[in-house]
């Protein structure tokens, strides 16, 4: 069976809206990410070295692959349209299992932005992209990110010891999962305030 592929998608919530990430967000993303240890200490990526790196390699809507695509959304403040971060469901290498990755400008922490963004992306993956399960890896100690996932029905499946190297140090990660029926049980018939989804 051929996996559905997104052509375009915009998701609108009460606090944030998600739109395809593209190079017009590169300057703001660089300004937020560059040498910002509040964010980068929780990411496998060490962050961009220059603005061109963000524009050329990071700010892409779709990263295609033969067995599953990765999608990148910009997170915008629904009231001001200001860029607040990035999120995306990723399927490359595991077509029936999606992985969600994200980061948020610390200026927006504690306002429910990421909880809503994760909820909308998880809904998108289950409703439109035929995901059977959604997963997330979180560095041990990232309590904020753990709480975001748990508020959306994700549960920690196991602890992965020395999963990645960060700054020359082996880092442990929490591995979270949620099945489609678990999401439906936890959140009922959840839908974003508005959604525009176009499939190829």
Foldseek 3Di string as FASTA:
>chain_A
DDWWDFPFKWFAAPWKIWGFFALVCLVVVLVQFPVPCVWCVWDLDNGDPDSVCCHPPPRGQWDDDPQWIKGKIFIAGPVPRDTFWMKIWTCVPNQQETEIDITTRPVCPPVCRLLVVVLARVCCCVVPGNHFKYKYKTWPPPVSVVVSCVLQQKDFPDKAWQPHADPNDRTIITMIMDGPVSSCVNPPPDGHPDMDTDID
